[in-house]
Amino acid sequence: MSQPNGKLAEYWRANLRLMAILLAIWFIVSFGAGILFADALDSIRIFGFKLGFFFAQQGAIYVFVGLIFFYAWRMNQIERHYDVHEE
């Protein structure tokens, strides 16, 4: 990696920005939908379960796994953009 320091700093800013956004989404889904807004979401049913209960038990896990795959896909794009990818 013979990149100028400015380009590496931009790469890490992009990486940290992506992680902050994904962690915020994870927090909103797991804490917000599973705990804070569970009562409001319980009026909606999914697969026969109340939506608040579903997010607290299963939905947050599905979102988290989806975020992991999105992070890997997006980081590949960012690494190619900043030319720090592995061949």
PDB file of N, CA and C in Angstrom:
ATOM      1  N   MET A   1       0.830  -1.172   0.000  1.00  0.00           N
ATOM      2  CA  MET A   1       0.000   0.000   0.000  1.00  0.00           C
ATOM      3  C   MET A   1       0.876   1.237   0.000  1.00  0.00           C
ATOM      4  N   SER A   2       1.198   1.691  -1.145  1.00  0.00           N
ATOM      5  CA  SER A   2       2.001   2.893  -1.261  1.00  0.00           C
ATOM      6  C   SER A   2       1.107   4.085  -1.586  1.00  0.00           C
ATOM      7  N   GLN A   3       0.077   4.295  -0.786  1.00  0.00           N
ATOM      8  CA  GLN A   3      -0.878   5.370  -0.999  1.00  0.00           C
ATOM      9  C   GLN A   3      -0.446   6.608  -0.220  1.00  0.00           C
ATOM     10  N   PRO A   4      -0.734   7.773  -0.745  1.00  0.00           N
ATOM     11  CA  PRO A   4      -0.494   8.993   0.027  1.00  0.00           C
ATOM     12  C   PRO A   4      -1.366   9.000   1.274  1.00  0.00           C
ATOM     13  N   ASN A   5      -0.889   9.658   2.311  1.00  0.00           N
ATOM     14  CA  ASN A   5      -1.630   9.678   3.576  1.00  0.00           C
ATOM     15  C   ASN A   5      -3.021  10.272   3.422  1.00  0.00           C
ATOM     16  N   GLY A   6      -3.193  11.262   2.558  1.00  0.00           N
ATOM     17  CA  GLY A   6      -4.511  11.863   2.358  1.00  0.00           C
ATOM     18  C   GLY A   6      -5.520  10.881   1.816  1.00  0.00           C
ATOM     19  N   LYS A   7      -5.101  10.046   0.899  1.00  0.00           N
ATOM     20  CA  LYS A   7      -6.012   9.056   0.305  1.00  0.00           C
ATOM     21  C   LYS A   7      -6.391   7.983   1.336  1.00  0.00           C
ATOM     22  N   LEU A   8      -5.429   7.579   2.155  1.00  0.00           N
ATOM     23  CA  LEU A   8      -5.739   6.600   3.213  1.00  0.00           C
ATOM     24  C   LEU A   8      -6.671   7.200   4.257  1.00  0.00           C
ATOM     25  N   ALA A   9      -6.472   8.474   4.568  1.00  0.00           N
ATOM     26  CA  ALA A   9      -7.357   9.137   5.526  1.00  0.00           C
ATOM     27  C   ALA A   9      -8.780   9.193   4.974  1.00  0.00           C
ATOM     28  N   GLU A  10      -8.934   9.468   3.680  1.00  0.00           N
ATOM     29  CA  GLU A  10     -10.257   9.469   3.055  1.00  0.00           C
ATOM     30  C   GLU A  10     -10.886   8.073   3.112  1.00  0.00           C
ATOM     31  N   TYR A  11     -10.072   7.061   2.877  1.00  0.00           N
ATOM     32  CA  TYR A  11     -10.554   5.675   2.933  1.00  0.00           C
ATOM     33  C   TYR A  11     -11.100   5.366   4.325  1.00  0.00           C
ATOM     34  N   TRP A  12     -10.345   5.727   5.365  1.00  0.00           N
ATOM     35  CA  TRP A  12     -10.795   5.427   6.723  1.00  0.00           C
ATOM     36  C   TRP A  12     -12.009   6.258   7.107  1.00  0.00           C
ATOM     37  N   ARG A  13     -12.096   7.494   6.619  1.00  0.00           N
ATOM     38  CA  ARG A  13     -13.299   8.293   6.873  1.00  0.00           C
ATOM     39  C   ARG A  13     -14.522   7.627   6.241  1.00  0.00           C
ATOM     40  N   ALA A  14     -14.361   7.137   5.008  1.00  0.00           N
ATOM     41  CA  ALA A  14     -15.471   6.449   4.339  1.00  0.00           C
ATOM     42  C   ALA A  14     -15.856   5.182   5.100  1.00  0.00           C
ATOM     43  N   ASN A  15     -14.868   4.449   5.578  1.00  0.00           N
ATOM     44  CA  ASN A  15     -15.107   3.224   6.333  1.00  0.00           C
ATOM     45  C   ASN A  15     -15.839   3.534   7.640  1.00  0.00           C
ATOM     46  N   LEU A  16     -15.360   4.524   8.377  1.00  0.00           N
ATOM     47  CA  LEU A  16     -15.981   4.868   9.655  1.00  0.00           C
ATOM     48  C   LEU A  16     -17.382   5.443   9.460  1.00  0.00           C
ATOM     49  N   ARG A  17     -17.589   6.216   8.401  1.00  0.00           N
ATOM     50  CA  ARG A  17     -18.911   6.760   8.109  1.00  0.00           C
ATOM     51  C   ARG A  17     -19.895   5.622   7.822  1.00  0.00           C
ATOM     52  N   LEU A  18     -19.465   4.648   7.016  1.00  0.00           N
ATOM     53  CA  LEU A  18     -20.316   3.498   6.710  1.00  0.00           C
ATOM     54  C   LEU A  18     -20.642   2.714   7.980  1.00  0.00           C
ATOM     55  N   MET A  19     -19.645   2.478   8.816  1.00  0.00           N
ATOM     56  CA  MET A  19     -19.890   1.737  10.063  1.00  0.00           C
ATOM     57  C   MET A  19     -20.842   2.491  10.973  1.00  0.00           C
ATOM     58  N   ALA A  20     -20.701   3.812  11.067  1.00  0.00           N
ATOM     59  CA  ALA A  20     -21.587   4.605  11.921  1.00  0.00           C
ATOM     60  C   ALA A  20     -23.029   4.525  11.427  1.00  0.00           C
ATOM     61  N   ILE A  21     -23.231   4.614  10.120  1.00  0.00           N
ATOM     62  CA  ILE A  21     -24.582   4.532   9.554  1.00  0.00           C
ATOM     63  C   ILE A  21     -25.191   3.160   9.819  1.00  0.00           C
ATOM     64  N   LEU A  22     -24.413   2.098   9.590  1.00  0.00           N
ATOM     65  CA  LEU A  22     -24.941   0.747   9.785  1.00  0.00           C
ATOM     66  C   LEU A  22     -25.199   0.451  11.260  1.00  0.00           C
ATOM     67  N   LEU A  23     -24.340   0.945  12.140  1.00  0.00           N
ATOM     68  CA  LEU A  23     -24.584   0.758  13.577  1.00  0.00           C
ATOM     69  C   LEU A  23     -25.822   1.520  14.034  1.00  0.00           C
ATOM     70  N   ALA A  24     -26.060   2.693  13.459  1.00  0.00           N
ATOM     71  CA  ALA A  24     -27.269   3.450  13.796  1.00  0.00           C
ATOM     72  C   ALA A  24     -28.512   2.686  13.348  1.00  0.00           C
ATOM     73  N   ILE A  25     -28.468   2.119  12.146  1.00  0.00           N
ATOM     74  CA  ILE A  25     -29.596   1.315  11.660  1.00  0.00           C
ATOM     75  C   ILE A  25     -29.819   0.117  12.571  1.00  0.00           C
ATOM     76  N   TRP A  26     -28.732  -0.566  12.937  1.00  0.00           N
ATOM     77  CA  TRP A  26     -28.845  -1.719  13.821  1.00  0.00           C
ATOM     78  C   TRP A  26     -29.448  -1.327  15.166  1.00  0.00           C
ATOM     79  N   PHE A  27     -29.004  -0.185  15.712  1.00  0.00           N
ATOM     80  CA  PHE A  27     -29.521   0.276  17.002  1.00  0.00           C
ATOM     81  C   PHE A  27     -31.009   0.599  16.899  1.00  0.00           C
ATOM     82  N   ILE A  28     -31.391   1.317  15.849  1.00  0.00           N
ATOM     83  CA  ILE A  28     -32.796   1.692  15.681  1.00  0.00           C
ATOM     84  C   ILE A  28     -33.684   0.459  15.557  1.00  0.00           C
ATOM     85  N   VAL A  29     -33.209  -0.529  14.787  1.00  0.00           N
ATOM     86  CA  VAL A  29     -34.017  -1.739  14.596  1.00  0.00           C
ATOM     87  C   VAL A  29     -34.062  -2.566  15.870  1.00  0.00           C
ATOM     88  N   SER A  30     -32.917  -2.809  16.485  1.00  0.00           N
ATOM     89  CA  SER A  30     -32.905  -3.707  17.649  1.00  0.00           C
ATOM     90  C   SER A  30     -33.493  -3.040  18.889  1.00  0.00           C
ATOM     91  N   PHE A  31     -33.071  -1.826  19.201  1.00  0.00           N
ATOM     92  CA  PHE A  31     -33.552  -1.163  20.410  1.00  0.00           C
ATOM     93  C   PHE A  31     -34.875  -0.461  20.174  1.00  0.00           C
ATOM     94  N   GLY A  32     -34.963   0.239  19.039  1.00  0.00           N
ATOM     95  CA  GLY A  32     -36.184   0.994  18.757  1.00  0.00           C
ATOM     96  C   GLY A  32     -37.369   0.105  18.467  1.00  0.00           C
ATOM     97  N   ALA A  33     -37.244  -0.743  17.436  1.00  0.00           N
ATOM     98  CA  ALA A  33     -38.370  -1.590  17.047  1.00  0.00           C
ATOM     99  C   ALA A  33     -38.622  -2.696  18.054  1.00  0.00           C
ATOM    100  N   GLY A  34     -37.574  -3.205  18.683  1.00  0.00           N
ATOM    101  CA  GLY A  34     -37.741  -4.321  19.611  1.00  0.00           C
ATOM    102  C   GLY A  34     -38.163  -3.911  21.006  1.00  0.00           C
ATOM    103  N   ILE A  35     -37.860  -2.651  21.407  1.00  0.00           N
ATOM    104  CA  ILE A  35     -38.146  -2.244  22.784  1.00  0.00           C
ATOM    105  C   ILE A  35     -39.002  -0.974  22.836  1.00  0.00           C
ATOM    106  N   LEU A  36     -38.482   0.126  22.274  1.00  0.00           N
ATOM    107  CA  LEU A  36     -39.160   1.413  22.424  1.00  0.00           C
ATOM    108  C   LEU A  36     -40.501   1.476  21.707  1.00  0.00           C
ATOM    109  N   PHE A  37     -40.552   1.002  20.480  1.00  0.00           N
ATOM    110  CA  PHE A  37     -41.774   1.102  19.684  1.00  0.00           C
ATOM    111  C   PHE A  37     -42.524  -0.226  19.586  1.00  0.00           C
ATOM    112  N   ALA A  38     -42.205  -1.159  20.453  1.00  0.00           N
ATOM    113  CA  ALA A  38     -42.819  -2.490  20.390  1.00  0.00           C
ATOM    114  C   ALA A  38     -44.336  -2.423  20.570  1.00  0.00           C
ATOM    115  N   ASP A  39     -44.788  -1.604  21.497  1.00  0.00           N
ATOM    116  CA  ASP A  39     -46.233  -1.523  21.738  1.00  0.00           C
ATOM    117  C   ASP A  39     -46.963  -0.979  20.510  1.00  0.00           C
ATOM    118  N   ALA A  40     -46.387   0.028  19.868  1.00  0.00           N
ATOM    119  CA  ALA A  40     -47.017   0.601  18.676  1.00  0.00           C
ATOM    120  C   ALA A  40     -46.992  -0.390  17.515  1.00  0.00           C
ATOM    121  N   LEU A  41     -45.916  -1.165  17.412  1.00  0.00           N
ATOM    122  CA  LEU A  41     -45.783  -2.127  16.320  1.00  0.00           C
ATOM    123  C   LEU A  41     -46.622  -3.381  16.533  1.00  0.00           C
ATOM    124  N   ASP A  42     -47.057  -3.616  17.757  1.00  0.00           N
ATOM    125  CA  ASP A  42     -47.818  -4.831  18.051  1.00  0.00           C
ATOM    126  C   ASP A  42     -49.178  -4.871  17.367  1.00  0.00           C
ATOM    127  N   SER A  43     -49.643  -3.740  16.861  1.00  0.00           N
ATOM    128  CA  SER A  43     -50.924  -3.748  16.154  1.00  0.00           C
ATOM    129  C   SER A  43     -50.787  -4.354  14.756  1.00  0.00           C
ATOM    130  N   ILE A  44     -49.558  -4.520  14.284  1.00  0.00           N
ATOM    131  CA  ILE A  44     -49.286  -5.119  12.972  1.00  0.00           C
ATOM    132  C   ILE A  44     -48.829  -6.555  13.204  1.00  0.00           C
ATOM    133  N   ARG A  45     -49.308  -7.467  12.386  1.00  0.00           N
ATOM    134  CA  ARG A  45     -48.914  -8.873  12.524  1.00  0.00           C
ATOM    135  C   ARG A  45     -48.104  -9.312  11.318  1.00  0.00           C
ATOM    136  N   ILE A  46     -47.086 -10.153  11.564  1.00  0.00           N
ATOM    137  CA  ILE A  46     -46.262 -10.732  10.507  1.00  0.00           C
ATOM    138  C   ILE A  46     -46.059 -12.205  10.856  1.00  0.00           C
ATOM    139  N   PHE A  47     -46.349 -13.073   9.945  1.00  0.00           N
ATOM    140  CA  PHE A  47     -46.279 -14.520  10.158  1.00  0.00           C
ATOM    141  C   PHE A  47     -47.071 -14.952  11.383  1.00  0.00           C
ATOM    142  N   GLY A  48     -48.149 -14.230  11.692  1.00  0.00           N
ATOM    143  CA  GLY A  48     -48.998 -14.561  12.816  1.00  0.00           C
ATOM    144  C   GLY A  48     -48.517 -14.011  14.149  1.00  0.00           C
ATOM    145  N   PHE A  49     -47.384 -13.331  14.175  1.00  0.00           N
ATOM    146  CA  PHE A  49     -46.846 -12.763  15.411  1.00  0.00           C
ATOM    147  C   PHE A  49     -46.971 -11.250  15.382  1.00  0.00           C
ATOM    148  N   LYS A  50     -47.068 -10.655  16.536  1.00  0.00           N
ATOM    149  CA  LYS A  50     -47.075  -9.199  16.625  1.00  0.00           C
ATOM    150  C   LYS A  50     -45.717  -8.683  16.152  1.00  0.00           C
ATOM    151  N   LEU A  51     -45.724  -7.582  15.397  1.00  0.00           N
ATOM    152  CA  LEU A  51     -44.495  -7.081  14.778  1.00  0.00           C
ATOM    153  C   LEU A  51     -43.447  -6.676  15.817  1.00  0.00           C
ATOM    154  N   GLY A  52     -43.851  -6.090  16.938  1.00  0.00           N
ATOM    155  CA  GLY A  52     -42.904  -5.736  17.993  1.00  0.00           C
ATOM    156  C   GLY A  52     -42.217  -6.968  18.555  1.00  0.00           C
ATOM    157  N   PHE A  53     -42.983  -8.019  18.797  1.00  0.00           N
ATOM    158  CA  PHE A  53     -42.419  -9.276  19.276  1.00  0.00           C
ATOM    159  C   PHE A  53     -41.496  -9.888  18.233  1.00  0.00           C
ATOM    160  N   PHE A  54     -41.913  -9.834  16.947  1.00  0.00           N
ATOM    161  CA  PHE A  54     -41.098 -10.395  15.877  1.00  0.00           C
ATOM    162  C   PHE A  54     -39.741  -9.716  15.804  1.00  0.00           C
ATOM    163  N   PHE A  55     -39.717  -8.378  15.855  1.00  0.00           N
ATOM    164  CA  PHE A  55     -38.436  -7.666  15.806  1.00  0.00           C
ATOM    165  C   PHE A  55     -37.586  -7.964  17.032  1.00  0.00           C
ATOM    166  N   ALA A  56     -38.198  -8.077  18.184  1.00  0.00           N
ATOM    167  CA  ALA A  56     -37.431  -8.371  19.396  1.00  0.00           C
ATOM    168  C   ALA A  56     -36.820  -9.764  19.350  1.00  0.00           C
ATOM    169  N   GLN A  57     -37.512 -10.727  18.728  1.00  0.00           N
ATOM    170  CA  GLN A  57     -37.038 -12.104  18.737  1.00  0.00           C
ATOM    171  C   GLN A  57     -36.287 -12.521  17.477  1.00  0.00           C
ATOM    172  N   GLN A  58     -36.742 -12.105  16.303  1.00  0.00           N
ATOM    173  CA  GLN A  58     -36.168 -12.582  15.050  1.00  0.00           C
ATOM    174  C   GLN A  58     -35.753 -11.466  14.097  1.00  0.00           C
ATOM    175  N   GLY A  59     -36.603 -10.469  13.949  1.00  0.00           N
ATOM    176  CA  GLY A  59     -36.406  -9.445  12.938  1.00  0.00           C
ATOM    177  C   GLY A  59     -35.086  -8.703  13.056  1.00  0.00           C
ATOM    178  N   ALA A  60     -34.675  -8.377  14.282  1.00  0.00           N
ATOM    179  CA  ALA A  60     -33.420  -7.659  14.481  1.00  0.00           C
ATOM    180  C   ALA A  60     -32.233  -8.512  14.033  1.00  0.00           C
ATOM    181  N   ILE A  61     -32.318  -9.807  14.216  1.00  0.00           N
ATOM    182  CA  ILE A  61     -31.240 -10.705  13.789  1.00  0.00           C
ATOM    183  C   ILE A  61     -31.164 -10.738  12.275  1.00  0.00           C
ATOM    184  N   TYR A  62     -32.313 -10.799  11.598  1.00  0.00           N
ATOM    185  CA  TYR A  62     -32.327 -10.789  10.135  1.00  0.00           C
ATOM    186  C   TYR A  62     -31.740  -9.493   9.588  1.00  0.00           C
ATOM    187  N   VAL A  63     -32.113  -8.377  10.194  1.00  0.00           N
ATOM    188  CA  VAL A  63     -31.576  -7.087   9.763  1.00  0.00           C
ATOM    189  C   VAL A  63     -30.070  -7.049   9.991  1.00  0.00           C
ATOM    190  N   PHE A  64     -29.603  -7.546  11.126  1.00  0.00           N
ATOM    191  CA  PHE A  64     -28.176  -7.544  11.434  1.00  0.00           C
ATOM    192  C   PHE A  64     -27.392  -8.369  10.410  1.00  0.00           C
ATOM    193  N   VAL A  65     -27.891  -9.541  10.058  1.00  0.00           N
ATOM    194  CA  VAL A  65     -27.216 -10.374   9.050  1.00  0.00           C
ATOM    195  C   VAL A  65     -27.210  -9.664   7.696  1.00  0.00           C
ATOM    196  N   GLY A  66     -28.315  -9.019   7.349  1.00  0.00           N
ATOM    197  CA  GLY A  66     -28.366  -8.240   6.119  1.00  0.00           C
ATOM    198  C   GLY A  66     -27.362  -7.103   6.122  1.00  0.00           C
ATOM    199  N   LEU A  67     -27.196  -6.448   7.264  1.00  0.00           N
ATOM    200  CA  LEU A  67     -26.212  -5.363   7.385  1.00  0.00           C
ATOM    201  C   LEU A  67     -24.785  -5.875   7.209  1.00  0.00           C
ATOM    202  N   ILE A  68     -24.513  -7.074   7.683  1.00  0.00           N
ATOM    203  CA  ILE A  68     -23.177  -7.657   7.518  1.00  0.00           C
ATOM    204  C   ILE A  68     -22.882  -7.867   6.039  1.00  0.00           C
ATOM    205  N   PHE A  69     -23.833  -8.439   5.314  1.00  0.00           N
ATOM    206  CA  PHE A  69     -23.621  -8.653   3.876  1.00  0.00           C
ATOM    207  C   PHE A  69     -23.498  -7.325   3.131  1.00  0.00           C
ATOM    208  N   PHE A  70     -24.318  -6.337   3.495  1.00  0.00           N
ATOM    209  CA  PHE A  70     -24.226  -5.033   2.856  1.00  0.00           C
ATOM    210  C   PHE A  70     -22.873  -4.385   3.142  1.00  0.00           C
ATOM    211  N   TYR A  71     -22.403  -4.499   4.387  1.00  0.00           N
ATOM    212  CA  TYR A  71     -21.103  -3.924   4.748  1.00  0.00           C
ATOM    213  C   TYR A  71     -19.991  -4.546   3.905  1.00  0.00           C
ATOM    214  N   ALA A  72     -19.987  -5.857   3.764  1.00  0.00           N
ATOM    215  CA  ALA A  72     -18.947  -6.532   2.971  1.00  0.00           C
ATOM    216  C   ALA A  72     -19.002  -6.080   1.517  1.00  0.00           C
ATOM    217  N   TRP A  73     -20.203  -5.988   0.951  1.00  0.00           N
ATOM    218  CA  TRP A  73     -20.356  -5.561  -0.443  1.00  0.00           C
ATOM    219  C   TRP A  73     -19.888  -4.120  -0.630  1.00  0.00           C
ATOM    220  N   ARG A  74     -20.328  -3.245   0.274  1.00  0.00           N
ATOM    221  CA  ARG A  74     -19.979  -1.823   0.153  1.00  0.00           C
ATOM    222  C   ARG A  74     -18.494  -1.587   0.405  1.00  0.00           C
ATOM    223  N   MET A  75     -17.902  -2.328   1.344  1.00  0.00           N
ATOM    224  CA  MET A  75     -16.464  -2.152   1.618  1.00  0.00           C
ATOM    225  C   MET A  75     -15.636  -2.599   0.417  1.00  0.00           C
ATOM    226  N   ASN A  76     -16.076  -3.611  -0.293  1.00  0.00           N
ATOM    227  CA  ASN A  76     -15.375  -4.003  -1.522  1.00  0.00           C
ATOM    228  C   ASN A  76     -15.373  -2.852  -2.518  1.00  0.00           C
ATOM    229  N   GLN A  77     -16.500  -2.169  -2.640  1.00  0.00           N
ATOM    230  CA  GLN A  77     -16.562  -1.020  -3.542  1.00  0.00           C
ATOM    231  C   GLN A  77     -15.651   0.111  -3.072  1.00  0.00           C
ATOM    232  N   ILE A  78     -15.673   0.393  -1.788  1.00  0.00           N
ATOM    233  CA  ILE A  78     -14.844   1.468  -1.243  1.00  0.00           C
ATOM    234  C   ILE A  78     -13.368   1.136  -1.401  1.00  0.00           C
ATOM    235  N   GLU A  79     -12.991  -0.115  -1.135  1.00  0.00           N
ATOM    236  CA  GLU A  79     -11.590  -0.517  -1.272  1.00  0.00           C
ATOM    237  C   GLU A  79     -11.118  -0.401  -2.711  1.00  0.00           C
ATOM    238  N   ARG A  80     -11.965  -0.743  -3.649  1.00  0.00           N
ATOM    239  CA  ARG A  80     -11.590  -0.586  -5.061  1.00  0.00           C
ATOM    240  C   ARG A  80     -11.473   0.883  -5.440  1.00  0.00           C
ATOM    241  N   HIS A  81     -12.360   1.698  -4.910  1.00  0.00           N
ATOM    242  CA  HIS A  81     -12.326   3.128  -5.210  1.00  0.00           C
ATOM    243  C   HIS A  81     -11.022   3.765  -4.721  1.00  0.00           C
ATOM    244  N   TYR A  82     -10.575   3.391  -3.532  1.00  0.00           N
ATOM    245  CA  TYR A  82      -9.353   3.952  -2.954  1.00  0.00           C
ATOM    246  C   TYR A  82      -8.117   3.107  -3.258  1.00  0.00           C
ATOM    247  N   ASP A  83      -8.273   2.081  -4.080  1.00  0.00           N
ATOM    248  CA  ASP A  83      -7.178   1.223  -4.527  1.00  0.00           C
ATOM    249  C   ASP A  83      -6.415   0.579  -3.362  1.00  0.00           C
ATOM    250  N   VAL A  84      -7.179   0.049  -2.395  1.00  0.00           N
ATOM    251  CA  VAL A  84      -6.571  -0.684  -1.276  1.00  0.00           C
ATOM    252  C   VAL A  84      -7.125  -2.108  -1.211  1.00  0.00           C
ATOM    253  N   HIS A  85      -7.714  -2.570  -2.313  1.00  0.00           N
ATOM    254  CA  HIS A  85      -8.314  -3.899  -2.341  1.00  0.00           C
ATOM    255  C   HIS A  85      -7.250  -4.969  -2.518  1.00  0.00           C
ATOM    256  N   GLU A  86      -7.653  -6.184  -2.160  1.00  0.00           N
ATOM    257  CA  GLU A  86      -6.772  -7.337  -2.336  1.00  0.00           C
ATOM    258  C   GLU A  86      -7.126  -8.025  -3.649  1.00  0.00           C
ATOM    259  N   GLU A  87      -6.153  -8.557  -4.319  1.00  0.00           N
ATOM    260  CA  GLU A  87      -6.404  -9.264  -5.583  1.00  0.00           C
ATOM    261  C   GLU A  87      -6.570 -10.741  -5.316  1.00  0.00           C
TER     262      GLU A  87
END
